[in-house]
C-alpha atoms as a PDB file:
ATOM      1  CA  MET A   1      11.514  15.857 -77.076  1.00  0.00           C
ATOM      2  CA  SER A   2      11.471  12.029 -75.634  1.00  0.00           C
ATOM      3  CA  SER A   3       8.294  10.894 -73.406  1.00  0.00           C
ATOM      4  CA  SER A   4       9.974   8.171 -72.578  1.00  0.00           C
ATOM      5  CA  MET A   5      11.704   7.338 -69.022  1.00  0.00           C
ATOM      6  CA  ILE A   6      14.941   5.917 -68.640  1.00  0.00           C
ATOM      7  CA  GLU A   7      16.298   3.600 -65.911  1.00  0.00           C
ATOM      8  CA  ILE A   8      19.081   1.673 -65.076  1.00  0.00           C
ATOM      9  CA  PHE A   9      19.516  -1.042 -62.072  1.00  0.00           C
ATOM     10  CA  GLY A  10      22.687  -1.919 -60.980  1.00  0.00           C
ATOM     11  CA  PRO A  11      23.817  -4.697 -58.488  1.00  0.00           C
ATOM     12  CA  GLU A  12      23.386  -2.106 -55.515  1.00  0.00           C
ATOM     13  CA  ASP A  13      20.081  -1.539 -56.290  1.00  0.00           C
ATOM     14  CA  PHE A  14      19.265  -5.558 -56.546  1.00  0.00           C
ATOM     15  CA  LYS A  15      17.520  -7.531 -53.347  1.00  0.00           C
ATOM     16  CA  GLU A  16      18.301 -10.905 -52.519  1.00  0.00           C
ATOM     17  CA  ILE A  17      14.968 -12.518 -51.576  1.00  0.00           C
ATOM     18  CA  PRO A  18      14.207 -16.224 -50.782  1.00  0.00           C
ATOM     19  CA  TRP A  19      12.715 -18.769 -53.202  1.00  0.00           C
ATOM     20  CA  LYS A  20       9.199 -19.302 -52.078  1.00  0.00           C
ATOM     21  CA  ASN A  21       9.548 -23.149 -51.852  1.00  0.00           C
ATOM     22  CA  GLY A  22      12.473 -22.256 -49.569  1.00  0.00           C
ATOM     23  CA  LYS A  23      15.110 -23.733 -51.523  1.00  0.00           C
ATOM     24  CA  GLY A  24      17.460 -21.407 -52.171  1.00  0.00           C
ATOM     25  CA  THR A  25      17.303 -17.147 -53.074  1.00  0.00           C
ATOM     26  CA  THR A  26      17.186 -15.108 -55.868  1.00  0.00           C
ATOM     27  CA  LEU A  27      18.090 -11.692 -56.800  1.00  0.00           C
ATOM     28  CA  GLU A  28      15.848  -9.265 -57.659  1.00  0.00           C
ATOM     29  CA  LEU A  29      16.685  -6.911 -60.334  1.00  0.00           C
ATOM     30  CA  ALA A  30      13.140  -4.911 -60.965  1.00  0.00           C
ATOM     31  CA  ILE A  31       9.774  -5.421 -59.503  1.00  0.00           C
ATOM     32  CA  SER A  32       6.325  -3.403 -60.536  1.00  0.00           C
ATOM     33  CA  GLU A  33       6.183  -0.491 -58.856  1.00  0.00           C
ATOM     34  CA  GLY A  34       4.612  -0.438 -55.076  1.00  0.00           C
ATOM     35  CA  ASP A  35       4.412  -4.322 -55.704  1.00  0.00           C
ATOM     36  CA  THR A  36       6.321  -7.129 -53.740  1.00  0.00           C
ATOM     37  CA  VAL A  37       6.880 -10.622 -54.175  1.00  0.00           C
ATOM     38  CA  GLN A  38       3.549 -12.015 -52.396  1.00  0.00           C
ATOM     39  CA  SER A  39       1.925 -10.145 -55.250  1.00  0.00           C
ATOM     40  CA  PHE A  40       3.241  -8.370 -58.461  1.00  0.00           C
ATOM     41  CA  ASP A  41       2.258  -7.393 -61.831  1.00  0.00           C
ATOM     42  CA  TRP A  42       5.597  -8.386 -63.575  1.00  0.00           C
ATOM     43  CA  ARG A  43       9.024  -9.204 -61.793  1.00  0.00           C
ATOM     44  CA  ILE A  44      12.687  -9.427 -62.810  1.00  0.00           C
ATOM     45  CA  SER A  45      15.561 -12.086 -61.323  1.00  0.00           C
ATOM     46  CA  ILE A  46      18.449 -13.859 -61.526  1.00  0.00           C
ATOM     47  CA  ALA A  47      18.837 -17.220 -59.378  1.00  0.00           C
ATOM     48  CA  GLN A  48      21.638 -19.856 -58.809  1.00  0.00           C
ATOM     49  CA  VAL A  49      20.095 -23.112 -59.292  1.00  0.00           C
ATOM     50  CA  GLU A  50      22.216 -25.749 -57.425  1.00  0.00           C
ATOM     51  CA  GLU A  51      20.153 -28.843 -57.514  1.00  0.00           C
ATOM     52  CA  ASP A  52      17.599 -30.758 -58.649  1.00  0.00           C
ATOM     53  CA  GLY A  53      14.298 -29.839 -57.642  1.00  0.00           C
ATOM     54  CA  PRO A  54      10.699 -28.567 -57.774  1.00  0.00           C
ATOM     55  CA  PHE A  55      10.282 -25.019 -59.157  1.00  0.00           C
ATOM     56  CA  SER A  56       8.164 -22.279 -56.862  1.00  0.00           C
ATOM     57  CA  ASP A  57       4.668 -22.576 -57.424  1.00  0.00           C
ATOM     58  CA  PHE A  58       3.426 -19.068 -59.418  1.00  0.00           C
ATOM     59  CA  THR A  59      -0.134 -19.814 -60.068  1.00  0.00           C
ATOM     60  CA  GLY A  60      -2.201 -16.934 -62.265  1.00  0.00           C
ATOM     61  CA  TYR A  61       1.444 -15.876 -63.569  1.00  0.00           C
ATOM     62  CA  GLN A  62       3.272 -16.486 -66.692  1.00  0.00           C
ATOM     63  CA  ARG A  63       6.982 -17.723 -66.616  1.00  0.00           C
ATOM     64  CA  THR A  64      10.118 -17.218 -69.064  1.00  0.00           C
ATOM     65  CA  LEU A  65      13.265 -18.667 -67.869  1.00  0.00           C
ATOM     66  CA  VAL A  66      17.099 -18.030 -69.807  1.00  0.00           C
ATOM     67  CA  VAL A  67      20.129 -19.851 -68.898  1.00  0.00           C
ATOM     68  CA  LEU A  68      22.789 -17.211 -68.495  1.00  0.00           C
ATOM     69  CA  GLU A  69      25.477 -19.577 -67.211  1.00  0.00           C
ATOM     70  CA  GLY A  70      26.235 -23.752 -66.926  1.00  0.00           C
ATOM     71  CA  ASN A  71      25.272 -26.699 -69.429  1.00  0.00           C
ATOM     72  CA  GLY A  72      21.619 -26.206 -69.051  1.00  0.00           C
ATOM     73  CA  ILE A  73      18.705 -27.234 -67.394  1.00  0.00           C
ATOM     74  CA  ILE A  74      15.402 -29.899 -67.973  1.00  0.00           C
ATOM     75  CA  LEU A  75      12.312 -28.334 -66.855  1.00  0.00           C
ATOM     76  CA  GLU A  76      10.117 -31.387 -66.804  1.00  0.00           C
ATOM     77  CA  HIS A  77       6.538 -30.149 -66.467  1.00  0.00           C
ATOM     78  CA  ALA A  78       3.794 -32.540 -64.820  1.00  0.00           C
ATOM     79  CA  ILE A  79       1.092 -32.116 -67.343  1.00  0.00           C
ATOM     80  CA  GLY A  80       3.697 -34.347 -69.847  1.00  0.00           C
ATOM     81  CA  HIS A  81       6.346 -32.712 -71.570  1.00  0.00           C
ATOM     82  CA  SER A  82       9.490 -31.401 -70.645  1.00  0.00           C
ATOM     83  CA  GLN A  83      11.875 -28.379 -71.811  1.00  0.00           C
ATOM     84  CA  LYS A  84      15.835 -28.751 -72.304  1.00  0.00           C
ATOM     85  CA  LEU A  85      17.340 -25.651 -72.125  1.00  0.00           C
ATOM     86  CA  SER A  86      21.432 -25.864 -73.623  1.00  0.00           C
ATOM     87  CA  GLY A  87      23.717 -23.885 -75.584  1.00  0.00           C
ATOM     88  CA  ASP A  88      24.062 -19.966 -75.679  1.00  0.00           C
ATOM     89  CA  LEU A  89      20.948 -17.982 -73.941  1.00  0.00           C
ATOM     90  CA  PRO A  90      18.640 -20.817 -74.148  1.00  0.00           C
ATOM     91  CA  PHE A  91      15.066 -19.701 -73.074  1.00  0.00           C
ATOM     92  CA  ALA A  92      11.183 -21.312 -72.359  1.00  0.00           C
ATOM     93  CA  ASP A  93       8.245 -20.071 -71.687  1.00  0.00           C
ATOM     94  CA  PHE A  94       5.673 -22.114 -69.377  1.00  0.00           C
ATOM     95  CA  ASP A  95       2.667 -21.527 -66.934  1.00  0.00           C
ATOM     96  CA  GLY A  96       3.445 -20.250 -63.568  1.00  0.00           C
ATOM     97  CA  SER A  97       0.844 -23.056 -62.157  1.00  0.00           C
ATOM     98  CA  TRP A  98       2.756 -26.033 -63.865  1.00  0.00           C
ATOM     99  CA  GLN A  99       3.870 -28.270 -61.597  1.00  0.00           C
ATOM    100  CA  THR A 100       7.914 -27.935 -62.991  1.00  0.00           C
ATOM    101  CA  HIS A 101      10.982 -29.928 -61.743  1.00  0.00           C
ATOM    102  CA  GLY A 102      14.185 -28.946 -62.839  1.00  0.00           C
ATOM    103  CA  LYS A 103      16.929 -31.324 -63.589  1.00  0.00           C
ATOM    104  CA  LEU A 104      20.294 -29.752 -63.839  1.00  0.00           C
ATOM    105  CA  ILE A 105      22.447 -30.558 -67.290  1.00  0.00           C
ATOM    106  CA  ASP A 106      26.177 -31.300 -65.348  1.00  0.00           C
ATOM    107  CA  GLY A 107      26.139 -29.002 -62.925  1.00  0.00           C
ATOM    108  CA  PRO A 108      24.767 -25.558 -61.566  1.00  0.00           C
ATOM    109  CA  ILE A 109      23.311 -22.910 -63.494  1.00  0.00           C
ATOM    110  CA  THR A 110      22.682 -19.350 -63.261  1.00  0.00           C
ATOM    111  CA  ASP A 111      19.264 -18.094 -64.760  1.00  0.00           C
ATOM    112  CA  PHE A 112      17.277 -14.973 -65.373  1.00  0.00           C
ATOM    113  CA  ASN A 113      13.260 -14.961 -64.835  1.00  0.00           C
ATOM    114  CA  ILE A 114      10.709 -12.682 -65.833  1.00  0.00           C
ATOM    115  CA  VAL A 115       7.049 -13.904 -63.947  1.00  0.00           C
ATOM    116  CA  THR A 116       4.217 -11.789 -65.410  1.00  0.00           C
ATOM    117  CA  LYS A 117       0.690 -11.357 -63.876  1.00  0.00           C
ATOM    118  CA  SER A 118      -1.229 -13.213 -66.335  1.00  0.00           C
ATOM    119  CA  HIS A 119      -4.418 -11.351 -67.349  1.00  0.00           C
ATOM    120  CA  ARG A 120      -2.260  -8.047 -66.910  1.00  0.00           C
ATOM    121  CA  TYR A 121       1.214  -8.541 -68.917  1.00  0.00           C
ATOM    122  CA  GLN A 122       2.245 -10.415 -71.821  1.00  0.00           C
ATOM    123  CA  ALA A 123       5.984 -10.860 -72.002  1.00  0.00           C
ATOM    124  CA  ARG A 124       8.374 -11.330 -75.203  1.00  0.00           C
ATOM    125  CA  LEU A 125      12.015 -12.379 -74.787  1.00  0.00           C
ATOM    126  CA  HIS A 126      14.504 -11.587 -77.257  1.00  0.00           C
ATOM    127  CA  THR A 127      18.448 -13.184 -76.944  1.00  0.00           C
ATOM    128  CA  TYR A 128      20.952 -11.655 -79.038  1.00  0.00           C
ATOM    129  CA  LYS A 129      24.523 -13.601 -78.763  1.00  0.00           C
ATOM    130  CA  THR A 130      26.812 -11.830 -81.185  1.00  0.00           C
ATOM    131  CA  PRO A 131      27.220  -7.958 -81.913  1.00  0.00           C
ATOM    132  CA  SER A 132      23.610  -6.649 -83.013  1.00  0.00           C
ATOM    133  CA  LYS A 133      21.900  -3.488 -83.544  1.00  0.00           C
ATOM    134  CA  VAL A 134      18.303  -3.258 -82.467  1.00  0.00           C
ATOM    135  CA  ASP A 135      15.578  -0.893 -82.648  1.00  0.00           C
ATOM    136  CA  ILE A 136      13.366  -0.698 -79.748  1.00  0.00           C
ATOM    137  CA  LEU A 137       9.687  -1.439 -80.510  1.00  0.00           C
ATOM    138  CA  GLN A 138       6.395   0.599 -78.879  1.00  0.00           C
ATOM    139  CA  GLU A 139       5.502  -1.109 -75.601  1.00  0.00           C
ATOM    140  CA  ARG A 140       4.266  -0.250 -72.130  1.00  0.00           C
ATOM    141  CA  PHE A 141       7.961  -1.467 -71.320  1.00  0.00           C
ATOM    142  CA  CYS A 142      11.501  -2.431 -72.655  1.00  0.00           C
ATOM    143  CA  PHE A 143      14.238  -4.013 -70.248  1.00  0.00           C
ATOM    144  CA  ALA A 144      17.513  -5.050 -71.564  1.00  0.00           C
ATOM    145  CA  TYR A 145      20.023  -7.001 -69.742  1.00  0.00           C
ATOM    146  CA  SER A 146      24.023  -7.040 -70.402  1.00  0.00           C
ATOM    147  CA  HIS A 147      25.268  -9.940 -69.815  1.00  0.00           C
ATOM    148  CA  ARG A 148      29.112 -10.048 -70.312  1.00  0.00           C
ATOM    149  CA  THR A 149      29.777  -6.431 -72.947  1.00  0.00           C
ATOM    150  CA  THR A 150      28.673  -2.922 -71.889  1.00  0.00           C
ATOM    151  CA  LEU A 151      25.461  -1.966 -74.447  1.00  0.00           C
ATOM    152  CA  THR A 152      25.076   1.322 -75.839  1.00  0.00           C
ATOM    153  CA  LEU A 153      21.601   2.518 -75.859  1.00  0.00           C
ATOM    154  CA  ARG A 154      21.020   5.777 -78.642  1.00  0.00           C
ATOM    155  CA  GLN A 155      18.163   8.162 -79.156  1.00  0.00           C
ATOM    156  CA  GLY A 156      17.723   9.135 -82.799  1.00  0.00           C
ATOM    157  CA  ILE A 157      20.862  10.094 -84.511  1.00  0.00           C
ATOM    158  CA  GLY A 158      23.282  12.517 -82.331  1.00  0.00           C
ATOM    159  CA  GLU A 159      20.857  12.409 -79.343  1.00  0.00           C
ATOM    160  CA  ASP A 160      20.992  11.093 -75.863  1.00  0.00           C
ATOM    161  CA  GLU A 161      23.664   8.474 -75.756  1.00  0.00           C
ATOM    162  CA  TYR A 162      23.661   5.847 -72.451  1.00  0.00           C
ATOM    163  CA  SER A 163      26.097   2.647 -71.427  1.00  0.00           C
ATOM    164  CA  LEU A 164      24.888  -0.303 -70.145  1.00  0.00           C
ATOM    165  CA  PRO A 165      27.261  -2.085 -68.281  1.00  0.00           C
ATOM    166  CA  ALA A 166      27.606  -5.757 -67.768  1.00  0.00           C
ATOM    167  CA  GLY A 167      25.644  -6.889 -64.923  1.00  0.00           C
ATOM    168  CA  HIS A 168      22.768  -4.003 -65.390  1.00  0.00           C
ATOM    169  CA  LEU A 169      19.470  -3.951 -66.418  1.00  0.00           C
ATOM    170  CA  LEU A 170      17.551  -0.998 -68.462  1.00  0.00           C
ATOM    171  CA  LYS A 171      14.156  -0.074 -68.135  1.00  0.00           C
ATOM    172  CA  ILE A 172      12.378   1.903 -71.123  1.00  0.00           C
ATOM    173  CA  GLU A 173       9.018   3.090 -70.070  1.00  0.00           C
ATOM    174  CA  ASP A 174       6.676   3.574 -73.210  1.00  0.00           C
ATOM    175  CA  PRO A 175       9.258   3.983 -75.865  1.00  0.00           C
ATOM    176  CA  SER A 176       7.744   5.523 -79.361  1.00  0.00           C
ATOM    177  CA  ALA A 177       8.703   3.521 -81.920  1.00  0.00           C
ATOM    178  CA  GLY A 178      11.877   3.966 -83.570  1.00  0.00           C
ATOM    179  CA  GLU A 179      12.959   6.577 -80.821  1.00  0.00           C
ATOM    180  CA  TRP A 180      15.760   3.969 -79.204  1.00  0.00           C
ATOM    181  CA  SER A 181      18.209   2.312 -80.575  1.00  0.00           C
ATOM    182  CA  LEU A 182      20.710  -0.605 -78.771  1.00  0.00           C
ATOM    183  CA  SER A 183      23.771  -2.044 -79.785  1.00  0.00           C
ATOM    184  CA  GLY A 184      26.175  -4.827 -78.398  1.00  0.00           C
ATOM    185  CA  GLU A 185      26.147  -8.243 -77.657  1.00  0.00           C
ATOM    186  CA  CYS A 186      25.262 -11.435 -75.479  1.00  0.00           C
ATOM    187  CA  PHE A 187      21.991  -9.730 -74.178  1.00  0.00           C
ATOM    188  CA  ILE A 188      18.528 -10.148 -73.205  1.00  0.00           C
ATOM    189  CA  LEU A 189      15.675  -7.673 -74.603  1.00  0.00           C
ATOM    190  CA  ILE A 190      12.314  -7.984 -72.782  1.00  0.00           C
ATOM    191  CA  TYR A 191       9.118  -5.917 -74.189  1.00  0.00           C
ATOM    192  CA  LEU A 192       5.925  -6.339 -71.804  1.00  0.00           C
ATOM    193  CA  SER A 193       2.446  -4.670 -72.941  1.00  0.00           C
ATOM    194  CA  GLY A 194      -0.035  -4.864 -71.122  1.00  0.00           C
ATOM    195  CA  LEU A 195      -3.359  -6.867 -71.703  1.00  0.00           C
END
Protein backbone atom coordinates (compact mmCIF):
# COMPACT_ATOMS: atom_id res chain seq x y z
CA MET A 1 0.00 0.00 0.00
CA SER A 2 1.38 3.40 -0.99
CA SER A 3 2.02 5.99 1.73
CA SER A 4 2.43 8.77 -0.83
CA MET A 5 -0.08 11.62 -0.92
CA ILE A 6 -1.27 12.54 -4.42
CA GLU A 7 -2.93 15.88 -5.24
CA ILE A 8 -3.84 17.40 -8.60
CA PHE A 9 -4.42 21.14 -8.83
CA GLY A 10 -6.35 22.66 -11.73
CA PRO A 11 -7.24 26.19 -12.88
CA GLU A 12 -10.16 26.30 -10.42
CA ASP A 13 -7.62 25.96 -7.56
CA PHE A 14 -5.17 28.62 -8.76
CA LYS A 15 -5.12 32.12 -7.22
CA GLU A 16 -4.24 35.45 -8.82
CA ILE A 17 -1.78 37.34 -6.60
CA PRO A 18 -0.23 40.82 -7.13
CA TRP A 19 3.53 40.93 -7.66
CA LYS A 20 5.55 42.21 -4.72
CA ASN A 21 6.85 45.06 -6.90
CA GLY A 22 3.33 46.02 -8.01
CA LYS A 23 4.18 45.64 -11.73
CA GLY A 24 1.77 42.80 -12.48
CA THR A 25 0.10 39.67 -11.16
CA THR A 26 1.04 36.02 -10.84
CA LEU A 27 -1.10 32.90 -10.91
CA GLU A 28 -0.28 30.92 -7.77
CA LEU A 29 -0.57 27.19 -8.50
CA ALA A 30 0.47 25.91 -5.05
CA ILE A 31 2.13 27.10 -1.85
CA SER A 32 3.47 25.36 1.25
CA GLU A 33 0.69 24.39 3.66
CA GLY A 34 -0.53 27.18 5.92
CA ASP A 35 1.77 29.78 4.34
CA THR A 36 1.05 33.05 2.52
CA VAL A 37 2.82 35.04 -0.18
CA GLN A 38 4.41 37.16 2.57
CA SER A 39 6.18 34.15 4.12
CA PHE A 40 6.40 30.61 2.77
CA ASP A 41 8.70 27.58 2.45
CA TRP A 42 7.95 26.99 -1.24
CA ARG A 43 5.68 28.41 -3.91
CA ILE A 44 4.90 27.53 -7.53
CA SER A 45 3.36 30.08 -9.90
CA ILE A 46 2.92 31.24 -13.49
CA ALA A 47 3.19 34.86 -14.65
CA GLN A 48 2.77 36.89 -17.83
CA VAL A 49 5.66 39.28 -18.42
CA GLU A 50 4.53 42.03 -20.79
CA GLU A 51 7.44 44.48 -20.57
CA ASP A 52 11.05 44.85 -19.48
CA GLY A 53 11.56 45.63 -15.81
CA PRO A 54 12.94 44.70 -12.38
CA PHE A 55 12.15 41.44 -10.64
CA SER A 56 10.64 41.43 -7.15
CA ASP A 57 13.02 41.17 -4.19
CA PHE A 58 12.94 37.65 -2.71
CA THR A 59 15.83 37.92 -0.26
CA GLY A 60 16.21 34.64 1.66
CA TYR A 61 14.83 32.59 -1.23
CA GLN A 62 16.13 30.73 -4.28
CA ARG A 63 14.33 31.11 -7.61
CA THR A 64 13.95 28.98 -10.71
CA LEU A 65 12.26 30.40 -13.80
CA VAL A 66 11.11 28.45 -16.89
CA VAL A 67 9.90 30.12 -20.09
CA LEU A 68 6.66 28.40 -21.15
CA GLU A 69 5.62 30.64 -24.07
CA GLY A 70 7.21 33.47 -26.02
CA ASN A 71 10.60 34.16 -27.57
CA GLY A 72 12.45 34.35 -24.28
CA ILE A 73 14.00 36.70 -21.76
CA ILE A 74 17.44 37.84 -20.65
CA LEU A 75 17.92 38.00 -16.88
CA GLU A 76 20.42 40.75 -16.15
CA HIS A 77 21.79 40.44 -12.60
CA ALA A 78 23.43 43.41 -10.88
CA ILE A 79 26.18 41.12 -9.55
CA GLY A 80 27.63 41.19 -13.07
CA HIS A 81 26.29 38.37 -15.21
CA SER A 82 23.22 37.55 -17.25
CA GLN A 83 21.22 34.46 -18.25
CA LYS A 84 19.58 34.19 -21.67
CA LEU A 85 16.49 31.97 -21.82
CA SER A 86 15.27 31.11 -25.30
CA GLY A 87 14.14 27.99 -27.12
CA ASP A 88 11.83 25.25 -25.80
CA LEU A 89 11.27 25.27 -22.01
CA PRO A 90 14.59 26.94 -21.06
CA PHE A 91 15.17 27.62 -17.36
CA ALA A 92 17.55 29.34 -14.96
CA ASP A 93 18.28 29.26 -11.22
CA PHE A 94 19.21 32.44 -9.35
CA ASP A 95 19.27 33.98 -5.88
CA GLY A 96 16.11 35.87 -4.99
CA SER A 97 18.15 38.60 -3.30
CA TRP A 98 19.92 39.56 -6.53
CA GLN A 99 18.83 42.77 -8.19
CA THR A 100 17.56 41.28 -11.44
CA HIS A 101 16.23 43.07 -14.51
CA GLY A 102 14.27 41.17 -17.14
CA LYS A 103 14.76 42.12 -20.80
CA LEU A 104 12.26 40.48 -23.14
CA ILE A 105 13.41 38.96 -26.45
CA ASP A 106 10.91 40.13 -29.07
CA GLY A 107 7.63 40.24 -27.17
CA PRO A 108 5.88 39.06 -23.99
CA ILE A 109 6.46 35.68 -22.32
CA THR A 110 4.68 33.33 -19.96
CA ASP A 111 6.95 31.97 -17.25
CA PHE A 112 6.74 29.23 -14.63
CA ASN A 113 8.33 29.98 -11.25
CA ILE A 114 9.53 27.95 -8.28
CA VAL A 115 10.59 29.93 -5.21
CA THR A 116 12.01 28.13 -2.15
CA LYS A 117 13.20 29.37 1.25
CA SER A 118 16.99 29.05 1.12
CA HIS A 119 17.55 27.29 4.45
CA ARG A 120 14.51 24.99 4.21
CA TYR A 121 14.28 23.49 0.72
CA GLN A 122 16.35 22.93 -2.39
CA ALA A 123 14.62 22.67 -5.78
CA ARG A 124 15.84 20.53 -8.69
CA LEU A 125 14.04 21.03 -11.96
CA HIS A 126 13.95 19.01 -15.20
CA THR A 127 12.09 19.76 -18.44
CA TYR A 128 10.93 17.12 -20.94
CA LYS A 129 10.18 18.40 -24.44
CA THR A 130 9.73 15.08 -26.29
CA PRO A 131 7.73 11.94 -25.35
CA SER A 132 9.35 10.52 -22.20
CA LYS A 133 8.76 8.06 -19.39
CA VAL A 134 10.33 9.09 -16.09
CA ASP A 135 10.61 7.11 -12.86
CA ILE A 136 9.86 9.41 -9.92
CA LEU A 137 12.72 9.71 -7.43
CA GLN A 138 12.38 9.65 -3.66
CA GLU A 139 12.27 13.19 -2.28
CA ARG A 140 10.17 15.20 0.18
CA PHE A 141 7.96 16.54 -2.62
CA CYS A 142 7.68 15.93 -6.35
CA PHE A 143 5.69 18.24 -8.64
CA ALA A 144 4.88 17.91 -12.33
CA TYR A 145 3.31 20.56 -14.52
CA SER A 146 1.74 19.45 -17.80
CA HIS A 147 2.17 22.29 -20.25
CA ARG A 148 0.48 21.22 -23.49
CA THR A 149 -0.61 17.55 -23.30
CA THR A 150 -2.14 15.10 -20.83
CA LEU A 151 0.39 13.16 -18.74
CA THR A 152 -0.10 9.70 -17.24
CA LEU A 153 1.04 8.86 -13.70
CA ARG A 154 1.28 5.15 -12.88
CA GLN A 155 2.00 3.27 -9.68
CA GLY A 156 3.96 0.09 -10.30
CA ILE A 157 2.59 -2.33 -12.91
CA GLY A 158 -1.17 -2.66 -13.19
CA GLU A 159 -1.74 -0.50 -10.14
CA ASP A 160 -3.26 2.99 -9.79
CA GLU A 161 -3.23 5.33 -12.79
CA TYR A 162 -3.92 9.07 -12.87
CA SER A 163 -4.28 11.53 -15.74
CA LEU A 164 -2.82 15.01 -15.52
CA PRO A 165 -4.49 17.27 -18.12
CA ALA A 166 -2.64 20.16 -19.74
CA GLY A 167 -2.46 23.20 -17.48
CA HIS A 168 -2.64 21.13 -14.26
CA LEU A 169 -0.11 20.61 -11.46
CA LEU A 170 0.61 17.27 -9.79
CA LYS A 171 1.96 17.06 -6.25
CA ILE A 172 3.32 13.84 -4.73
CA GLU A 173 4.36 13.96 -1.09
CA ASP A 174 6.97 11.44 0.08
CA PRO A 175 7.14 9.22 -3.02
CA SER A 176 9.06 5.96 -2.57
CA ALA A 177 11.85 5.21 -5.04
CA GLY A 178 10.57 3.29 -8.06
CA GLU A 179 6.94 3.49 -6.93
CA TRP A 180 5.64 5.95 -9.54
CA SER A 181 6.35 6.72 -13.19
CA LEU A 182 5.23 9.65 -15.33
CA SER A 183 4.73 9.50 -19.10
CA GLY A 184 4.06 12.24 -21.63
CA GLU A 185 5.72 15.18 -23.33
CA CYS A 186 6.24 18.88 -22.82
CA PHE A 187 6.24 18.87 -19.02
CA ILE A 188 8.19 20.18 -16.05
CA LEU A 189 9.29 17.97 -13.15
CA ILE A 190 10.39 19.48 -9.84
CA TYR A 191 11.87 17.82 -6.76
CA LEU A 192 11.97 19.61 -3.41
CA SER A 193 14.39 18.19 -0.84
CA GLY A 194 14.51 19.39 2.75
CA LEU A 195 17.75 20.93 4.06
